[in-house]
Amino acid sequence: MIEAENIRDWRDHSVVDSEGHKIGTLESVYVDTVSDRPFFIGIVTGLPTRRRITFAPLEKAVVSPSYVKLAWPKQLVKDAPGISTDGELLAEQEQGIFDHYGLEFGVGHSRRLARR
C-alpha cells in the first residue's frame, strides 16, 4: 500500500506503464472516500498544445526515486476517461473511470474519489 503522504511527494514526476514506457506526469492523487487511501492518480498526458488529465488506479503501483510505475499498459491509461488540465472530475464521471479498468465502483456511492 502506498501511503498518502508519500505519493503526494511524487507530483510532477514521470508516470510509466508496466513495461517502463512513459505515460505522462503525475498531477494529482485521488483517495477512496470510503478508506481514505490513495486509489487513483491524475496524469497529465498529450502534446503541449493538447494536454489533458487521465486517471489510473494505483493498485500494484511501484514508486521509485524518479517515477511512479503503474501495473497498467500505456494505451489503456491513455484511452481512459479524462478531463481538461483546468477541469474538475465530476461525480457522474467516476463510474466510467472504474468501468474502464474493470474495477467495482460500489453501490450507493455518490462520490467515490476525492482529490488530495
C-alpha atoms as a PDB file:
ATOM      1  CA  MET A   1       0.000   0.000   0.000  1.00  0.00           C
ATOM      2  CA  ILE A   2       1.296   3.460  -0.893  1.00  0.00           C
ATOM      3  CA  GLU A   3       0.849   5.935   1.924  1.00  0.00           C
ATOM      4  CA  ALA A   4      -0.858   9.228   1.062  1.00  0.00           C
ATOM      5  CA  GLU A   5       1.896  11.450   2.413  1.00  0.00           C
ATOM      6  CA  ASN A   6       4.464   9.646   0.262  1.00  0.00           C
ATOM      7  CA  ILE A   7       2.647   9.571  -3.089  1.00  0.00           C
ATOM      8  CA  ARG A   8       1.875  13.315  -2.921  1.00  0.00           C
ATOM      9  CA  ASP A   9       5.630  13.922  -2.848  1.00  0.00           C
ATOM     10  CA  TRP A  10       5.840  12.490  -6.390  1.00  0.00           C
ATOM     11  CA  ARG A  11       3.781  15.196  -8.101  1.00  0.00           C
ATOM     12  CA  ASP A  12       5.461  16.300 -11.331  1.00  0.00           C
ATOM     13  CA  HIS A  13       7.415  13.019 -11.537  1.00  0.00           C
ATOM     14  CA  SER A  14       7.092  10.737 -14.536  1.00  0.00           C
ATOM     15  CA  VAL A  15       4.454   8.020 -14.634  1.00  0.00           C
ATOM     16  CA  VAL A  16       5.392   4.894 -16.568  1.00  0.00           C
ATOM     17  CA  ASP A  17       3.482   1.776 -17.562  1.00  0.00           C
ATOM     18  CA  SER A  18       4.139  -1.817 -16.560  1.00  0.00           C
ATOM     19  CA  GLU A  19       6.927  -2.056 -19.178  1.00  0.00           C
ATOM     20  CA  GLY A  20       8.600   1.253 -18.279  1.00  0.00           C
ATOM     21  CA  HIS A  21       7.159   3.351 -21.151  1.00  0.00           C
ATOM     22  CA  LYS A  22       6.444   6.944 -20.125  1.00  0.00           C
ATOM     23  CA  ILE A  23       2.737   7.792 -19.968  1.00  0.00           C
ATOM     24  CA  GLY A  24       2.908  11.339 -18.603  1.00  0.00           C
ATOM     25  CA  THR A  25       3.453  13.336 -15.429  1.00  0.00           C
ATOM     26  CA  LEU A  26       1.748  12.794 -12.067  1.00  0.00           C
ATOM     27  CA  GLU A  27      -0.548  15.751 -11.465  1.00  0.00           C
ATOM     28  CA  SER A  28      -2.819  14.720  -8.597  1.00  0.00           C
ATOM     29  CA  VAL A  29      -3.733  11.991  -6.149  1.00  0.00           C
ATOM     30  CA  TYR A  30      -7.303  10.814  -5.582  1.00  0.00           C
ATOM     31  CA  VAL A  31      -8.204   8.898  -2.439  1.00  0.00           C
ATOM     32  CA  ASP A  32     -11.025   6.418  -1.946  1.00  0.00           C
ATOM     33  CA  THR A  33     -13.675   8.249   0.101  1.00  0.00           C
ATOM     34  CA  VAL A  34     -14.506   5.018   1.936  1.00  0.00           C
ATOM     35  CA  SER A  35     -10.977   4.079   3.093  1.00  0.00           C
ATOM     36  CA  ASP A  36      -9.194   7.469   2.688  1.00  0.00           C
ATOM     37  CA  ARG A  37      -6.322   5.625   0.951  1.00  0.00           C
ATOM     38  CA  PRO A  38      -4.705   6.728  -2.336  1.00  0.00           C
ATOM     39  CA  PHE A  39      -6.615   4.938  -5.075  1.00  0.00           C
ATOM     40  CA  PHE A  40      -6.193   6.782  -8.406  1.00  0.00           C
ATOM     41  CA  ILE A  41      -3.785   9.334  -9.796  1.00  0.00           C
ATOM     42  CA  GLY A  42      -4.358  12.064 -12.354  1.00  0.00           C
ATOM     43  CA  ILE A  43      -1.726  12.024 -15.096  1.00  0.00           C
ATOM     44  CA  VAL A  44      -1.020  14.893 -17.491  1.00  0.00           C
ATOM     45  CA  THR A  45      -0.769  13.353 -20.965  1.00  0.00           C
ATOM     46  CA  GLY A  46      -0.604  14.602 -24.532  1.00  0.00           C
ATOM     47  CA  LEU A  47       1.316  17.145 -26.526  1.00  0.00           C
ATOM     48  CA  PRO A  48       1.976  20.639 -25.126  1.00  0.00           C
ATOM     49  CA  THR A  49      -0.902  22.079 -27.164  1.00  0.00           C
ATOM     50  CA  ARG A  50      -3.339  19.219 -26.404  1.00  0.00           C
ATOM     51  CA  ARG A  51      -2.787  18.247 -22.773  1.00  0.00           C
ATOM     52  CA  ARG A  52      -5.396  16.527 -20.628  1.00  0.00           C
ATOM     53  CA  ILE A  53      -5.562  14.644 -17.352  1.00  0.00           C
ATOM     54  CA  THR A  54      -6.307  10.928 -17.483  1.00  0.00           C
ATOM     55  CA  PHE A  55      -6.867   8.710 -14.478  1.00  0.00           C
ATOM     56  CA  ALA A  56      -5.198   5.439 -13.487  1.00  0.00           C
ATOM     57  CA  PRO A  57      -5.528   3.181 -10.431  1.00  0.00           C
ATOM     58  CA  LEU A  58      -2.637   2.871  -8.003  1.00  0.00           C
ATOM     59  CA  GLU A  59      -3.325  -0.838  -7.481  1.00  0.00           C
ATOM     60  CA  LYS A  60       0.045  -2.657  -7.616  1.00  0.00           C
ATOM     61  CA  ALA A  61       1.894   0.605  -8.408  1.00  0.00           C
ATOM     62  CA  VAL A  62       5.579   0.954  -7.502  1.00  0.00           C
ATOM     63  CA  VAL A  63       7.204   4.232  -6.504  1.00  0.00           C
ATOM     64  CA  SER A  64      10.877   4.659  -7.374  1.00  0.00           C
ATOM     65  CA  PRO A  65      13.193   7.639  -6.858  1.00  0.00           C
ATOM     66  CA  SER A  66      12.326   9.103 -10.268  1.00  0.00           C
ATOM     67  CA  TYR A  67       8.916   7.749 -11.326  1.00  0.00           C
ATOM     68  CA  VAL A  68       5.669   6.017 -10.422  1.00  0.00           C
ATOM     69  CA  LYS A  69       5.304   2.699 -12.246  1.00  0.00           C
ATOM     70  CA  LEU A  70       1.738   1.522 -12.865  1.00  0.00           C
ATOM     71  CA  ALA A  71       0.565  -2.044 -13.378  1.00  0.00           C
ATOM     72  CA  TRP A  72      -1.465  -0.960 -16.430  1.00  0.00           C
ATOM     73  CA  PRO A  73      -0.427  -0.750 -20.105  1.00  0.00           C
ATOM     74  CA  LYS A  74       0.242   2.695 -21.551  1.00  0.00           C
ATOM     75  CA  GLN A  75      -2.516   2.536 -24.176  1.00  0.00           C
ATOM     76  CA  LEU A  76      -5.164   1.533 -21.622  1.00  0.00           C
ATOM     77  CA  VAL A  77      -4.220   4.534 -19.474  1.00  0.00           C
ATOM     78  CA  LYS A  78      -4.138   6.922 -22.429  1.00  0.00           C
ATOM     79  CA  ASP A  79      -7.596   5.692 -23.523  1.00  0.00           C
ATOM     80  CA  ALA A  80      -9.053   6.214 -20.026  1.00  0.00           C
ATOM     81  CA  PRO A  81     -11.678   8.894 -19.426  1.00  0.00           C
ATOM     82  CA  GLY A  82     -10.104  12.243 -18.712  1.00  0.00           C
ATOM     83  CA  ILE A  83     -10.655  15.928 -18.126  1.00  0.00           C
ATOM     84  CA  SER A  84      -9.021  19.115 -19.368  1.00  0.00           C
ATOM     85  CA  THR A  85      -5.988  20.313 -17.408  1.00  0.00           C
ATOM     86  CA  ASP A  86      -8.091  23.067 -15.854  1.00  0.00           C
ATOM     87  CA  GLY A  87     -11.131  20.823 -15.389  1.00  0.00           C
ATOM     88  CA  GLU A  88     -12.600  19.051 -12.401  1.00  0.00           C
ATOM     89  CA  LEU A  89     -13.541  15.398 -12.029  1.00  0.00           C
ATOM     90  CA  LEU A  90     -17.318  15.328 -11.611  1.00  0.00           C
ATOM     91  CA  ALA A  91     -19.086  12.696  -9.506  1.00  0.00           C
ATOM     92  CA  GLU A  92     -21.003  11.416 -12.539  1.00  0.00           C
ATOM     93  CA  GLN A  93     -17.712  10.737 -14.390  1.00  0.00           C
ATOM     94  CA  GLU A  94     -16.257   8.479 -11.709  1.00  0.00           C
ATOM     95  CA  GLN A  95     -18.103   5.266 -12.573  1.00  0.00           C
ATOM     96  CA  GLY A  96     -16.825   5.482 -16.173  1.00  0.00           C
ATOM     97  CA  ILE A  97     -13.243   5.509 -14.897  1.00  0.00           C
ATOM     98  CA  PHE A  98     -13.825   2.484 -12.676  1.00  0.00           C
ATOM     99  CA  ASP A  99     -15.564   0.677 -15.556  1.00  0.00           C
ATOM    100  CA  HIS A 100     -12.663   1.434 -17.924  1.00  0.00           C
ATOM    101  CA  TYR A 101     -10.286  -0.507 -15.663  1.00  0.00           C
ATOM    102  CA  GLY A 102     -12.788  -3.232 -14.762  1.00  0.00           C
ATOM    103  CA  LEU A 103     -12.932  -2.122 -11.124  1.00  0.00           C
ATOM    104  CA  GLU A 104     -16.014  -2.284  -8.938  1.00  0.00           C
ATOM    105  CA  PHE A 105     -17.467   1.146  -8.239  1.00  0.00           C
ATOM    106  CA  GLY A 106     -19.793   0.025  -5.463  1.00  0.00           C
ATOM    107  CA  VAL A 107     -23.481   0.501  -4.898  1.00  0.00           C
ATOM    108  CA  GLY A 108     -24.856   3.563  -3.202  1.00  0.00           C
ATOM    109  CA  HIS A 109     -21.778   5.756  -3.617  1.00  0.00           C
ATOM    110  CA  SER A 110     -22.495   9.281  -4.743  1.00  0.00           C
ATOM    111  CA  ARG A 111     -18.801  10.125  -4.666  1.00  0.00           C
ATOM    112  CA  ARG A 112     -16.011   7.544  -4.586  1.00  0.00           C
ATOM    113  CA  LEU A 113     -12.906   9.680  -5.235  1.00  0.00           C
ATOM    114  CA  ALA A 114     -11.618  12.843  -3.557  1.00  0.00           C
ATOM    115  CA  ARG A 115      -8.619  14.859  -4.710  1.00  0.00           C
ATOM    116  CA  ARG A 116      -5.895  15.353  -2.116  1.00  0.00           C
END
